[in-house]
Protein backbone atom coordinates (compact mmCIF):
# COMPACT_ATOMS: atom_id res chain seq x y z
CA MET A 1 -164.50 -16.78 4.13
CA SER A 2 -165.57 -15.28 0.82
CA LEU A 3 -165.16 -11.58 0.35
CA PRO A 4 -167.16 -9.66 -2.26
CA HIS A 5 -164.16 -7.72 -3.61
CA LEU A 6 -161.75 -10.69 -3.76
CA SER A 7 -161.81 -13.77 -5.94
CA PRO A 8 -161.61 -16.79 -3.60
CA GLU A 9 -161.78 -19.22 -6.51
CA ARG A 10 -158.48 -20.98 -6.90
CA PRO A 11 -156.56 -20.51 -10.11
CA ALA A 12 -156.39 -23.75 -12.10
CA ASP A 13 -152.67 -24.18 -11.49
CA PRO A 14 -151.28 -21.59 -9.08
CA ILE A 15 -147.55 -21.09 -9.38
CA ALA A 16 -147.43 -21.16 -5.57
CA HIS A 17 -149.59 -21.07 -2.48
CA LEU A 18 -148.50 -18.01 -0.54
CA VAL A 19 -149.54 -18.39 3.11
CA PHE A 20 -149.41 -15.47 5.55
CA TYR A 21 -149.80 -16.86 9.06
CA ALA A 22 -151.60 -14.34 11.34
CA PRO A 23 -150.55 -11.21 9.40
CA CYS A 24 -150.72 -7.94 11.32
CA ILE A 25 -150.13 -5.10 8.85
CA PRO A 26 -152.84 -4.48 6.26
CA GLY A 27 -150.45 -2.89 3.75
CA ASN A 28 -148.36 -6.06 3.57
CA SER A 29 -151.40 -8.23 2.89
CA GLY A 30 -152.60 -5.69 0.34
CA ALA A 31 -149.26 -5.91 -1.44
CA ALA A 32 -149.54 -9.72 -1.35
CA ILE A 33 -152.98 -9.48 -2.97
CA ARG A 34 -151.38 -7.54 -5.81
CA LEU A 35 -148.50 -10.05 -5.95
CA ALA A 36 -150.96 -12.95 -6.20
CA ALA A 37 -152.85 -11.27 -9.04
CA ILE A 38 -149.72 -10.43 -11.01
CA THR A 39 -148.03 -13.82 -10.68
CA GLY A 40 -150.88 -16.33 -10.52
CA ALA A 41 -150.19 -17.38 -6.94
CA MET A 42 -152.97 -18.30 -4.52
CA LEU A 43 -152.89 -16.22 -1.33
CA HIS A 44 -154.05 -17.75 1.95
CA LEU A 45 -154.42 -15.36 4.91
CA VAL A 46 -154.54 -17.36 8.15
CA GLU A 47 -156.60 -16.00 11.03
CA PRO A 48 -156.40 -14.25 13.34
CA LEU A 49 -155.77 -11.26 11.13
CA GLY A 50 -154.45 -8.12 12.80
CA PHE A 51 -156.76 -5.96 10.67
CA ASP A 52 -160.18 -5.84 9.07
CA MET A 53 -160.27 -6.91 5.41
CA SER A 54 -162.07 -3.68 4.54
CA GLU A 55 -159.32 -1.40 5.90
CA ALA A 56 -158.27 1.42 3.61
CA LYS A 57 -154.58 0.48 3.83
CA LEU A 58 -155.36 -3.02 2.57
CA ARG A 59 -157.39 -1.68 -0.35
CA ARG A 60 -154.82 1.00 -1.16
CA ALA A 61 -151.91 -1.46 -1.25
CA GLY A 62 -153.85 -3.91 -3.40
CA LEU A 63 -155.10 -1.08 -5.61
CA ASP A 64 -157.33 -2.36 -8.38
CA TYR A 65 -156.02 -5.92 -8.23
CA HIS A 66 -158.49 -7.18 -5.60
CA ASP A 67 -160.87 -8.62 -8.18
CA LEU A 68 -157.99 -10.30 -10.07
CA ALA A 69 -156.34 -11.98 -7.10
CA HIS A 70 -157.15 -15.41 -5.72
CA VAL A 71 -157.36 -14.98 -1.96
CA ALA A 72 -158.84 -17.11 0.79
CA VAL A 73 -159.06 -16.23 4.46
CA GLN A 74 -158.45 -19.46 6.36
CA PRO A 75 -159.54 -20.05 9.99
CA ASP A 76 -156.23 -21.73 10.88
CA LEU A 77 -153.01 -23.18 9.47
CA ASP A 78 -154.57 -26.64 9.09
CA ALA A 79 -157.24 -25.25 6.77
CA ALA A 80 -154.67 -23.32 4.71
CA LEU A 81 -152.38 -26.33 4.27
CA ASP A 82 -155.32 -28.63 3.53
CA ALA A 83 -156.60 -26.24 0.87
CA ALA A 84 -153.17 -25.94 -0.75
CA ARG A 85 -152.48 -29.66 -0.72
CA THR A 86 -155.97 -30.53 -1.95
CA GLN A 87 -155.33 -28.43 -5.02
CA THR A 88 -151.64 -29.29 -5.40
CA PRO A 89 -151.09 -32.68 -3.67
CA THR A 90 -147.35 -32.73 -4.43
CA SER A 91 -146.72 -29.32 -2.89
CA ARG A 92 -144.10 -28.97 -0.20
CA VAL A 93 -144.35 -26.56 2.70
CA LEU A 94 -141.41 -24.18 2.88
CA ALA A 95 -141.33 -22.12 6.07
CA PHE A 96 -139.46 -18.85 5.64
CA THR A 97 -137.52 -18.02 8.79
CA ALA A 98 -134.19 -16.65 9.96
CA GLN A 99 -133.86 -19.83 12.06
CA THR A 100 -132.00 -21.92 9.45
CA ASP A 101 -128.79 -22.03 7.46
CA VAL A 102 -130.63 -23.16 4.30
CA THR A 103 -130.98 -20.23 1.90
CA ILE A 104 -133.49 -19.84 -0.91
CA ASP A 105 -130.82 -20.60 -3.52
CA ASP A 106 -130.20 -23.99 -1.83
CA VAL A 107 -133.81 -25.09 -2.34
CA ASP A 108 -135.39 -26.62 -5.44
CA LEU A 109 -138.53 -24.49 -5.67
CA ALA A 110 -141.37 -26.35 -7.40
CA LEU A 111 -144.54 -25.02 -8.96
CA GLY A 112 -147.38 -25.27 -6.47
CA ASP A 113 -145.16 -25.20 -3.38
CA VAL A 114 -146.51 -23.61 -0.20
CA LEU A 115 -144.46 -20.55 0.81
CA LEU A 116 -145.25 -19.93 4.48
CA PHE A 117 -144.48 -16.63 6.20
CA GLY A 118 -145.11 -15.49 9.78
CA PRO A 119 -146.50 -12.29 11.23
CA GLU A 120 -144.56 -9.08 10.81
CA PRO A 121 -143.30 -8.42 14.31
CA THR A 122 -142.20 -11.94 15.24
CA GLY A 123 -142.03 -14.32 12.28
CA LEU A 124 -143.30 -17.88 12.51
CA PRO A 125 -143.71 -19.12 16.09
CA GLU A 126 -141.81 -22.23 17.18
CA GLU A 127 -144.96 -24.37 17.31
CA VAL A 128 -145.55 -23.66 13.62
CA LEU A 129 -141.91 -24.27 12.72
CA ALA A 130 -142.12 -27.62 14.56
CA ASP A 131 -145.17 -28.72 12.55
CA PRO A 132 -144.36 -32.08 10.88
CA ARG A 133 -145.92 -30.91 7.60
CA ILE A 134 -143.13 -28.39 7.13
CA ASP A 135 -140.74 -29.89 4.63
CA GLN A 136 -138.00 -27.30 4.92
CA ARG A 137 -137.05 -24.09 6.65
CA VAL A 138 -135.75 -21.49 4.23
CA ARG A 139 -133.94 -18.20 4.77
CA ILE A 140 -133.58 -15.22 2.44
CA PRO A 141 -129.99 -13.97 2.76
CA MET A 142 -129.33 -10.49 4.09
CA ARG A 143 -126.52 -8.63 5.77
CA PRO A 144 -125.61 -9.83 9.28
CA GLY A 145 -127.00 -8.10 12.33
CA LEU A 146 -130.24 -6.98 10.71
CA ARG A 147 -133.55 -8.26 11.97
CA SER A 148 -135.67 -9.07 8.92
CA LEU A 149 -137.09 -8.04 5.59
CA ASN A 150 -140.53 -6.51 5.31
CA LEU A 151 -143.11 -9.31 4.94
CA ALA A 152 -144.39 -8.20 1.54
CA ASN A 153 -140.83 -7.80 0.25
CA ALA A 154 -139.81 -11.27 1.47
CA ALA A 155 -142.89 -12.85 -0.10
CA THR A 156 -142.19 -11.06 -3.38
CA ILE A 157 -138.60 -12.32 -3.44
CA ALA A 158 -139.75 -15.91 -2.82
CA VAL A 159 -142.62 -15.91 -5.33
CA TYR A 160 -140.56 -14.27 -8.07
CA GLU A 161 -137.59 -16.58 -7.48
CA LEU A 162 -139.87 -19.60 -7.83
CA TRP A 163 -141.52 -18.12 -10.91
CA ARG A 164 -138.16 -17.17 -12.48
CA ARG A 165 -136.84 -20.70 -12.07
CA HIS A 166 -139.82 -21.98 -14.05
CA GLY A 167 -139.47 -19.55 -16.95
CA TYR A 168 -142.24 -17.22 -15.74
CA VAL A 169 -144.80 -19.83 -16.79
CA GLY A 170 -148.09 -18.15 -17.66
CA GLY A 171 -146.46 -14.71 -17.70
CA GLY A 172 -146.16 -12.34 -20.59
């Protein structure tokens, strides 16, 4: 789906493919739009979306970065992964979940990797986590007994950690 206020064209070499599977909160996707613009990541929003792309909260969170971000709304996970791997054939799919002992510092993050995140209230469903295209489950450490990070915050941690490890390539 092409949206008039977003740039669906893919950056030549995205630092990462950030995939939000069935996101529910427009402010988190708006923040991810801004994150994609600032870092050079490609954002894939996988339907069904829990909001309309024209919602004020989405626009407000993305501020004036909508026209600078590379965003595609994908009909399903297959389309998102196909799009990412067509552009970056060597990309791995890293599923961010609390259901693993592997932390982000244990993983060799590569440019062009797919960073997959689930919907805000539940995280990635088991059928997605069981997908054979997922190369690794990854967890962002936090204090015990707490449920989860905010989706936009978790995505920011992952994208910036990948970017940091590669010397902020393309950054200023």
